[in-house]
Amino acid sequence: MSGNGADLGQVVAMLGDVLRTQHEQGRKLEELAAGLTDMAAGLTDLRQAVGHYHASVLGHGILITELDARVRRLEEHLKLPPMAA
């Protein structure tokens, strides 16, 4: 034991633990980043699929995504109760 109460061997062991923890956290971060990349690619594929679907479901010159707002306006104009969700 040295004069300040810390043993050099203990300090070296602690620094080794810190280094191992740092490497482990770096590995986990790389795994998370790869997972996020996979999710982003999946989200892009999903958006494209929905876009293709909506583009293929054209009716009377409006996209299916615009149909809900149009039906709501018609219901209000005709004073009809809104459809249950």
PDB file of N, CA and C in Angstrom:
ATOM      1  N   MET A   1       0.835  -1.157   0.000  1.00  0.00           N
ATOM      2  CA  MET A   1       0.000   0.000   0.000  1.00  0.00           C
ATOM      3  C   MET A   1       0.893   1.238   0.000  1.00  0.00           C
ATOM      4  N   SER A   2       0.570   2.202  -0.830  1.00  0.00           N
ATOM      5  CA  SER A   2       1.385   3.416  -0.893  1.00  0.00           C
ATOM      6  C   SER A   2       0.836   4.450   0.088  1.00  0.00           C
ATOM      7  N   GLY A   3       1.470   5.583   0.134  1.00  0.00           N
ATOM      8  CA  GLY A   3       1.119   6.615   1.097  1.00  0.00           C
ATOM      9  C   GLY A   3      -0.270   7.203   0.902  1.00  0.00           C
ATOM     10  N   ASN A   4      -0.780   7.177  -0.330  1.00  0.00           N
ATOM     11  CA  ASN A   4      -2.090   7.777  -0.547  1.00  0.00           C
ATOM     12  C   ASN A   4      -3.236   6.774  -0.391  1.00  0.00           C
ATOM     13  N   GLY A   5      -2.942   5.559  -0.023  1.00  0.00           N
ATOM     14  CA  GLY A   5      -3.958   4.556   0.216  1.00  0.00           C
ATOM     15  C   GLY A   5      -4.312   3.727  -1.002  1.00  0.00           C
ATOM     16  N   ALA A   6      -3.799   4.061  -2.181  1.00  0.00           N
ATOM     17  CA  ALA A   6      -4.110   3.313  -3.396  1.00  0.00           C
ATOM     18  C   ALA A   6      -2.908   2.475  -3.789  1.00  0.00           C
ATOM     19  N   ASP A   7      -3.145   1.247  -4.064  1.00  0.00           N
ATOM     20  CA  ASP A   7      -2.099   0.332  -4.498  1.00  0.00           C
ATOM     21  C   ASP A   7      -2.018   0.409  -6.022  1.00  0.00           C
ATOM     22  N   LEU A   8      -0.814   0.488  -6.549  1.00  0.00           N
ATOM     23  CA  LEU A   8      -0.626   0.593  -7.998  1.00  0.00           C
ATOM     24  C   LEU A   8      -1.260  -0.596  -8.727  1.00  0.00           C
ATOM     25  N   GLY A   9      -1.205  -1.759  -8.156  1.00  0.00           N
ATOM     26  CA  GLY A   9      -1.815  -2.945  -8.760  1.00  0.00           C
ATOM     27  C   GLY A   9      -3.326  -2.806  -8.856  1.00  0.00           C
ATOM     28  N   GLN A  10      -3.930  -2.218  -7.819  1.00  0.00           N
ATOM     29  CA  GLN A  10      -5.372  -1.999  -7.840  1.00  0.00           C
ATOM     30  C   GLN A  10      -5.761  -0.984  -8.923  1.00  0.00           C
ATOM     31  N   VAL A  11      -4.960   0.052  -9.064  1.00  0.00           N
ATOM     32  CA  VAL A  11      -5.230   1.072 -10.084  1.00  0.00           C
ATOM     33  C   VAL A  11      -5.135   0.457 -11.477  1.00  0.00           C
ATOM     34  N   VAL A  12      -4.109  -0.359 -11.706  1.00  0.00           N
ATOM     35  CA  VAL A  12      -3.941  -1.016 -13.004  1.00  0.00           C
ATOM     36  C   VAL A  12      -5.109  -1.958 -13.272  1.00  0.00           C
ATOM     37  N   ALA A  13      -5.534  -2.713 -12.267  1.00  0.00           N
ATOM     38  CA  ALA A  13      -6.671  -3.629 -12.423  1.00  0.00           C
ATOM     39  C   ALA A  13      -7.949  -2.849 -12.730  1.00  0.00           C
ATOM     40  N   MET A  14      -8.139  -1.732 -12.050  1.00  0.00           N
ATOM     41  CA  MET A  14      -9.322  -0.914 -12.287  1.00  0.00           C
ATOM     42  C   MET A  14      -9.321  -0.344 -13.706  1.00  0.00           C
ATOM     43  N   LEU A  15      -8.164   0.102 -14.168  1.00  0.00           N
ATOM     44  CA  LEU A  15      -8.065   0.625 -15.528  1.00  0.00           C
ATOM     45  C   LEU A  15      -8.332  -0.477 -16.556  1.00  0.00           C
ATOM     46  N   GLY A  16      -7.906  -1.698 -16.258  1.00  0.00           N
ATOM     47  CA  GLY A  16      -8.198  -2.830 -17.133  1.00  0.00           C
ATOM     48  C   GLY A  16      -9.693  -3.093 -17.208  1.00  0.00           C
ATOM     49  N   ASP A  17     -10.372  -2.983 -16.060  1.00  0.00           N
ATOM     50  CA  ASP A  17     -11.832  -3.154 -16.027  1.00  0.00           C
ATOM     51  C   ASP A  17     -12.524  -2.069 -16.856  1.00  0.00           C
ATOM     52  N   VAL A  18     -12.042  -0.848 -16.714  1.00  0.00           N
ATOM     53  CA  VAL A  18     -12.617   0.265 -17.477  1.00  0.00           C
ATOM     54  C   VAL A  18     -12.436   0.017 -18.972  1.00  0.00           C
ATOM     55  N   LEU A  19     -11.259  -0.438 -19.368  1.00  0.00           N
ATOM     56  CA  LEU A  19     -10.985  -0.703 -20.778  1.00  0.00           C
ATOM     57  C   LEU A  19     -11.880  -1.817 -21.315  1.00  0.00           C
ATOM     58  N   ARG A  20     -12.047  -2.896 -20.542  1.00  0.00           N
ATOM     59  CA  ARG A  20     -12.931  -3.994 -20.964  1.00  0.00           C
ATOM     60  C   ARG A  20     -14.371  -3.500 -21.108  1.00  0.00           C
ATOM     61  N   THR A  21     -14.812  -2.699 -20.143  1.00  0.00           N
ATOM     62  CA  THR A  21     -16.172  -2.154 -20.197  1.00  0.00           C
ATOM     63  C   THR A  21     -16.344  -1.265 -21.425  1.00  0.00           C
ATOM     64  N   GLN A  22     -15.331  -0.466 -21.707  1.00  0.00           N
ATOM     65  CA  GLN A  22     -15.387   0.423 -22.865  1.00  0.00           C
ATOM     66  C   GLN A  22     -15.479  -0.384 -24.157  1.00  0.00           C
ATOM     67  N   HIS A  23     -14.705  -1.429 -24.291  1.00  0.00           N
ATOM     68  CA  HIS A  23     -14.748  -2.275 -25.487  1.00  0.00           C
ATOM     69  C   HIS A  23     -16.115  -2.956 -25.616  1.00  0.00           C
ATOM     70  N   GLU A  24     -16.640  -3.421 -24.493  1.00  0.00           N
ATOM     71  CA  GLU A  24     -17.950  -4.083 -24.507  1.00  0.00           C
ATOM     72  C   GLU A  24     -19.049  -3.098 -24.926  1.00  0.00           C
ATOM     73  N   GLN A  25     -18.998  -1.900 -24.398  1.00  0.00           N
ATOM     74  CA  GLN A  25     -19.990  -0.885 -24.760  1.00  0.00           C
ATOM     75  C   GLN A  25     -19.856  -0.491 -26.239  1.00  0.00           C
ATOM     76  N   GLY A  26     -18.636  -0.413 -26.727  1.00  0.00           N
ATOM     77  CA  GLY A  26     -18.420  -0.124 -28.147  1.00  0.00           C
ATOM     78  C   GLY A  26     -19.018  -1.199 -29.036  1.00  0.00           C
ATOM     79  N   ARG A  27     -18.849  -2.455 -28.636  1.00  0.00           N
ATOM     80  CA  ARG A  27     -19.418  -3.576 -29.393  1.00  0.00           C
ATOM     81  C   ARG A  27     -20.942  -3.504 -29.390  1.00  0.00           C
ATOM     82  N   LYS A  28     -21.521  -3.205 -28.219  1.00  0.00           N
ATOM     83  CA  LYS A  28     -22.976  -3.094 -28.123  1.00  0.00           C
ATOM     84  C   LYS A  28     -23.502  -1.944 -28.976  1.00  0.00           C
ATOM     85  N   LEU A  29     -22.780  -0.828 -28.991  1.00  0.00           N
ATOM     86  CA  LEU A  29     -23.188   0.304 -29.817  1.00  0.00           C
ATOM     87  C   LEU A  29     -23.141  -0.043 -31.305  1.00  0.00           C
ATOM     88  N   GLU A  30     -22.140  -0.795 -31.708  1.00  0.00           N
ATOM     89  CA  GLU A  30     -22.054  -1.227 -33.104  1.00  0.00           C
ATOM     90  C   GLU A  30     -23.233  -2.128 -33.462  1.00  0.00           C
ATOM     91  N   GLU A  31     -23.622  -3.029 -32.538  1.00  0.00           N
ATOM     92  CA  GLU A  31     -24.781  -3.894 -32.773  1.00  0.00           C
ATOM     93  C   GLU A  31     -26.055  -3.070 -32.898  1.00  0.00           C
ATOM     94  N   LEU A  32     -26.205  -2.079 -32.017  1.00  0.00           N
ATOM     95  CA  LEU A  32     -27.379  -1.215 -32.081  1.00  0.00           C
ATOM     96  C   LEU A  32     -27.415  -0.422 -33.384  1.00  0.00           C
ATOM     97  N   ALA A  33     -26.278   0.078 -33.812  1.00  0.00           N
ATOM     98  CA  ALA A  33     -26.214   0.835 -35.057  1.00  0.00           C
ATOM     99  C   ALA A  33     -26.595  -0.045 -36.241  1.00  0.00           C
ATOM    100  N   ALA A  34     -26.130  -1.282 -36.232  1.00  0.00           N
ATOM    101  CA  ALA A  34     -26.493  -2.207 -37.313  1.00  0.00           C
ATOM    102  C   ALA A  34     -27.995  -2.488 -37.290  1.00  0.00           C
ATOM    103  N   GLY A  35     -28.560  -2.637 -36.097  1.00  0.00           N
ATOM    104  CA  GLY A  35     -30.004  -2.854 -35.980  1.00  0.00           C
ATOM    105  C   GLY A  35     -30.791  -1.665 -36.484  1.00  0.00           C
ATOM    106  N   LEU A  36     -30.330  -0.457 -36.164  1.00  0.00           N
ATOM    107  CA  LEU A  36     -31.010   0.746 -36.652  1.00  0.00           C
ATOM    108  C   LEU A  36     -30.925   0.849 -38.168  1.00  0.00           C
ATOM    109  N   THR A  37     -29.795   0.458 -38.727  1.00  0.00           N
ATOM    110  CA  THR A  37     -29.654   0.474 -40.182  1.00  0.00           C
ATOM    111  C   THR A  37     -30.635  -0.500 -40.821  1.00  0.00           C
ATOM    112  N   ASP A  38     -30.761  -1.692 -40.230  1.00  0.00           N
ATOM    113  CA  ASP A  38     -31.727  -2.672 -40.730  1.00  0.00           C
ATOM    114  C   ASP A  38     -33.153  -2.147 -40.625  1.00  0.00           C
ATOM    115  N   MET A  39     -33.477  -1.505 -39.495  1.00  0.00           N
ATOM    116  CA  MET A  39     -34.820  -0.957 -39.325  1.00  0.00           C
ATOM    117  C   MET A  39     -35.094   0.157 -40.327  1.00  0.00           C
ATOM    118  N   ALA A  40     -34.102   1.000 -40.588  1.00  0.00           N
ATOM    119  CA  ALA A  40     -34.279   2.089 -41.548  1.00  0.00           C
ATOM    120  C   ALA A  40     -34.528   1.528 -42.947  1.00  0.00           C
ATOM    121  N   ALA A  41     -33.803   0.469 -43.300  1.00  0.00           N
ATOM    122  CA  ALA A  41     -34.011  -0.156 -44.605  1.00  0.00           C
ATOM    123  C   ALA A  41     -35.408  -0.765 -44.685  1.00  0.00           C
ATOM    124  N   GLY A  42     -35.850  -1.402 -43.600  1.00  0.00           N
ATOM    125  CA  GLY A  42     -37.187  -1.973 -43.564  1.00  0.00           C
ATOM    126  C   GLY A  42     -38.257  -0.903 -43.655  1.00  0.00           C
ATOM    127  N   LEU A  43     -38.044   0.226 -42.999  1.00  0.00           N
ATOM    128  CA  LEU A  43     -38.993   1.326 -43.053  1.00  0.00           C
ATOM    129  C   LEU A  43     -39.069   1.898 -44.467  1.00  0.00           C
ATOM    130  N   THR A  44     -37.931   2.010 -45.122  1.00  0.00           N
ATOM    131  CA  THR A  44     -37.906   2.488 -46.503  1.00  0.00           C
ATOM    132  C   THR A  44     -38.695   1.544 -47.403  1.00  0.00           C
ATOM    133  N   ASP A  45     -38.491   0.246 -47.228  1.00  0.00           N
ATOM    134  CA  ASP A  45     -39.238  -0.740 -48.013  1.00  0.00           C
ATOM    135  C   ASP A  45     -40.730  -0.626 -47.753  1.00  0.00           C
ATOM    136  N   LEU A  46     -41.112  -0.445 -46.480  1.00  0.00           N
ATOM    137  CA  LEU A  46     -42.519  -0.324 -46.123  1.00  0.00           C
ATOM    138  C   LEU A  46     -43.132   0.923 -46.760  1.00  0.00           C
ATOM    139  N   ARG A  47     -42.421   2.030 -46.679  1.00  0.00           N
ATOM    140  CA  ARG A  47     -42.931   3.271 -47.292  1.00  0.00           C
ATOM    141  C   ARG A  47     -43.114   3.111 -48.788  1.00  0.00           C
ATOM    142  N   GLN A  48     -42.175   2.450 -49.438  1.00  0.00           N
ATOM    143  CA  GLN A  48     -42.298   2.223 -50.874  1.00  0.00           C
ATOM    144  C   GLN A  48     -43.494   1.336 -51.183  1.00  0.00           C
ATOM    145  N   ALA A  49     -43.692   0.296 -50.381  1.00  0.00           N
ATOM    146  CA  ALA A  49     -44.820  -0.609 -50.605  1.00  0.00           C
ATOM    147  C   ALA A  49     -46.145   0.128 -50.431  1.00  0.00           C
ATOM    148  N   VAL A  50     -46.241   0.956 -49.387  1.00  0.00           N
ATOM    149  CA  VAL A  50     -47.471   1.722 -49.161  1.00  0.00           C
ATOM    150  C   VAL A  50     -47.680   2.722 -50.289  1.00  0.00           C
ATOM    151  N   GLY A  51     -46.606   3.355 -50.717  1.00  0.00           N
ATOM    152  CA  GLY A  51     -46.712   4.294 -51.839  1.00  0.00           C
ATOM    153  C   GLY A  51     -47.192   3.618 -53.109  1.00  0.00           C
ATOM    154  N   HIS A  52     -46.644   2.431 -53.387  1.00  0.00           N
ATOM    155  CA  HIS A  52     -47.084   1.687 -54.578  1.00  0.00           C
ATOM    156  C   HIS A  52     -48.547   1.279 -54.444  1.00  0.00           C
ATOM    157  N   TYR A  53     -48.937   0.857 -53.235  1.00  0.00           N
ATOM    158  CA  TYR A  53     -50.326   0.471 -53.014  1.00  0.00           C
ATOM    159  C   TYR A  53     -51.255   1.658 -53.242  1.00  0.00           C
ATOM    160  N   HIS A  54     -50.921   2.788 -52.624  1.00  0.00           N
ATOM    161  CA  HIS A  54     -51.771   3.967 -52.775  1.00  0.00           C
ATOM    162  C   HIS A  54     -51.818   4.439 -54.228  1.00  0.00           C
ATOM    163  N   ALA A  55     -50.697   4.340 -54.909  1.00  0.00           N
ATOM    164  CA  ALA A  55     -50.681   4.749 -56.313  1.00  0.00           C
ATOM    165  C   ALA A  55     -51.538   3.820 -57.166  1.00  0.00           C
ATOM    166  N   SER A  56     -51.655   2.554 -56.763  1.00  0.00           N
ATOM    167  CA  SER A  56     -52.438   1.606 -57.550  1.00  0.00           C
ATOM    168  C   SER A  56     -53.925   1.670 -57.209  1.00  0.00           C
ATOM    169  N   VAL A  57     -54.274   2.326 -56.097  1.00  0.00           N
ATOM    170  CA  VAL A  57     -55.667   2.407 -55.677  1.00  0.00           C
ATOM    171  C   VAL A  57     -56.197   3.802 -55.976  1.00  0.00           C
ATOM    172  N   LEU A  58     -56.084   4.212 -57.188  1.00  0.00           N
ATOM    173  CA  LEU A  58     -56.623   5.503 -57.597  1.00  0.00           C
ATOM    174  C   LEU A  58     -58.097   5.327 -57.928  1.00  0.00           C
ATOM    175  N   GLY A  59     -58.877   6.276 -57.525  1.00  0.00           N
ATOM    176  CA  GLY A  59     -60.292   6.214 -57.852  1.00  0.00           C
ATOM    177  C   GLY A  59     -60.830   7.614 -58.059  1.00  0.00           C
ATOM    178  N   HIS A  60     -61.384   7.868 -59.187  1.00  0.00           N
ATOM    179  CA  HIS A  60     -61.958   9.169 -59.532  1.00  0.00           C
ATOM    180  C   HIS A  60     -60.964  10.311 -59.352  1.00  0.00           C
ATOM    181  N   GLY A  61     -59.740  10.052 -59.649  1.00  0.00           N
ATOM    182  CA  GLY A  61     -58.718  11.099 -59.633  1.00  0.00           C
ATOM    183  C   GLY A  61     -58.165  11.463 -58.276  1.00  0.00           C
ATOM    184  N   ILE A  62     -58.492  10.716 -57.201  1.00  0.00           N
ATOM    185  CA  ILE A  62     -57.930  11.030 -55.881  1.00  0.00           C
ATOM    186  C   ILE A  62     -57.198   9.814 -55.342  1.00  0.00           C
ATOM    187  N   LEU A  63     -56.194  10.075 -54.550  1.00  0.00           N
ATOM    188  CA  LEU A  63     -55.470   8.987 -53.901  1.00  0.00           C
ATOM    189  C   LEU A  63     -56.258   8.490 -52.702  1.00  0.00           C
ATOM    190  N   ILE A  64     -56.056   7.255 -52.354  1.00  0.00           N
ATOM    191  CA  ILE A  64     -56.742   6.664 -51.199  1.00  0.00           C
ATOM    192  C   ILE A  64     -56.437   7.440 -49.927  1.00  0.00           C
ATOM    193  N   THR A  65     -55.248   8.038 -49.817  1.00  0.00           N
ATOM    194  CA  THR A  65     -54.883   8.810 -48.631  1.00  0.00           C
ATOM    195  C   THR A  65     -55.721  10.081 -48.516  1.00  0.00           C
ATOM    196  N   GLU A  66     -56.246  10.569 -49.625  1.00  0.00           N
ATOM    197  CA  GLU A  66     -57.084  11.771 -49.613  1.00  0.00           C
ATOM    198  C   GLU A  66     -58.556  11.429 -49.415  1.00  0.00           C
ATOM    199  N   LEU A  67     -58.916  10.174 -49.541  1.00  0.00           N
ATOM    200  CA  LEU A  67     -60.301   9.747 -49.480  1.00  0.00           C
ATOM    201  C   LEU A  67     -60.923  10.012 -48.111  1.00  0.00           C
ATOM    202  N   ASP A  68     -60.193   9.777 -47.032  1.00  0.00           N
ATOM    203  CA  ASP A  68     -60.726   9.968 -45.689  1.00  0.00           C
ATOM    204  C   ASP A  68     -61.171  11.414 -45.474  1.00  0.00           C
ATOM    205  N   ALA A  69     -60.350  12.370 -45.840  1.00  0.00           N
ATOM    206  CA  ALA A  69     -60.695  13.784 -45.670  1.00  0.00           C
ATOM    207  C   ALA A  69     -61.910  14.144 -46.529  1.00  0.00           C
ATOM    208  N   ARG A  70     -61.962  13.592 -47.708  1.00  0.00           N
ATOM    209  CA  ARG A  70     -63.084  13.882 -48.602  1.00  0.00           C
ATOM    210  C   ARG A  70     -64.386  13.320 -48.028  1.00  0.00           C
ATOM    211  N   VAL A  71     -64.361  12.097 -47.504  1.00  0.00           N
ATOM    212  CA  VAL A  71     -65.549  11.496 -46.898  1.00  0.00           C
ATOM    213  C   VAL A  71     -65.988  12.314 -45.687  1.00  0.00           C
ATOM    214  N   ARG A  72     -65.035  12.777 -44.879  1.00  0.00           N
ATOM    215  CA  ARG A  72     -65.387  13.608 -43.723  1.00  0.00           C
ATOM    216  C   ARG A  72     -66.103  14.885 -44.148  1.00  0.00           C
ATOM    217  N   ARG A  73     -65.607  15.522 -45.207  1.00  0.00           N
ATOM    218  CA  ARG A  73     -66.254  16.742 -45.694  1.00  0.00           C
ATOM    219  C   ARG A  73     -67.674  16.449 -46.182  1.00  0.00           C
ATOM    220  N   LEU A  74     -67.841  15.324 -46.876  1.00  0.00           N
ATOM    221  CA  LEU A  74     -69.174  14.950 -47.357  1.00  0.00           C
ATOM    222  C   LEU A  74     -70.124  14.679 -46.184  1.00  0.00           C
ATOM    223  N   GLU A  75     -69.634  13.985 -45.165  1.00  0.00           N
ATOM    224  CA  GLU A  75     -70.459  13.713 -43.994  1.00  0.00           C
ATOM    225  C   GLU A  75     -70.902  15.007 -43.324  1.00  0.00           C
ATOM    226  N   GLU A  76     -69.975  15.948 -43.188  1.00  0.00           N
ATOM    227  CA  GLU A  76     -70.317  17.235 -42.579  1.00  0.00           C
ATOM    228  C   GLU A  76     -71.329  17.985 -43.428  1.00  0.00           C
ATOM    229  N   HIS A  77     -71.129  17.998 -44.741  1.00  0.00           N
ATOM    230  CA  HIS A  77     -72.031  18.711 -45.655  1.00  0.00           C
ATOM    231  C   HIS A  77     -73.440  18.131 -45.615  1.00  0.00           C
ATOM    232  N   LEU A  78     -73.541  16.820 -45.566  1.00  0.00           N
ATOM    233  CA  LEU A  78     -74.845  16.140 -45.540  1.00  0.00           C
ATOM    234  C   LEU A  78     -75.382  15.964 -44.119  1.00  0.00           C
ATOM    235  N   LYS A  79     -74.615  16.487 -43.141  1.00  0.00           N
ATOM    236  CA  LYS A  79     -74.989  16.393 -41.723  1.00  0.00           C
ATOM    237  C   LYS A  79     -75.227  14.933 -41.309  1.00  0.00           C
ATOM    238  N   LEU A  80     -74.355  14.074 -41.749  1.00  0.00           N
ATOM    239  CA  LEU A  80     -74.400  12.654 -41.389  1.00  0.00           C
ATOM    240  C   LEU A  80     -73.497  12.428 -40.184  1.00  0.00           C
ATOM    241  N   PRO A  81     -73.863  11.471 -39.326  1.00  0.00           N
ATOM    242  CA  PRO A  81     -72.950  11.161 -38.211  1.00  0.00           C
ATOM    243  C   PRO A  81     -71.689  10.494 -38.767  1.00  0.00           C
ATOM    244  N   PRO A  82     -70.539  10.771 -38.186  1.00  0.00           N
ATOM    245  CA  PRO A  82     -69.309  10.148 -38.685  1.00  0.00           C
ATOM    246  C   PRO A  82     -69.353   8.635 -38.469  1.00  0.00           C
ATOM    247  N   MET A  83     -68.696   7.908 -39.372  1.00  0.00           N
ATOM    248  CA  MET A  83     -68.629   6.458 -39.237  1.00  0.00           C
ATOM    249  C   MET A  83     -67.779   6.104 -38.030  1.00  0.00           C
ATOM    250  N   ALA A  84     -68.109   5.012 -37.373  1.00  0.00           N
ATOM    251  CA  ALA A  84     -67.325   4.558 -36.214  1.00  0.00           C
ATOM    252  C   ALA A  84     -65.965   4.086 -36.685  1.00  0.00           C
ATOM    253  N   ALA A  85     -64.944   4.376 -35.908  1.00  0.00           N
ATOM    254  CA  ALA A  85     -63.576   3.985 -36.286  1.00  0.00           C
ATOM    255  C   ALA A  85     -63.299   2.563 -35.923  1.00  0.00           C
TER     256      ALA A  85
END
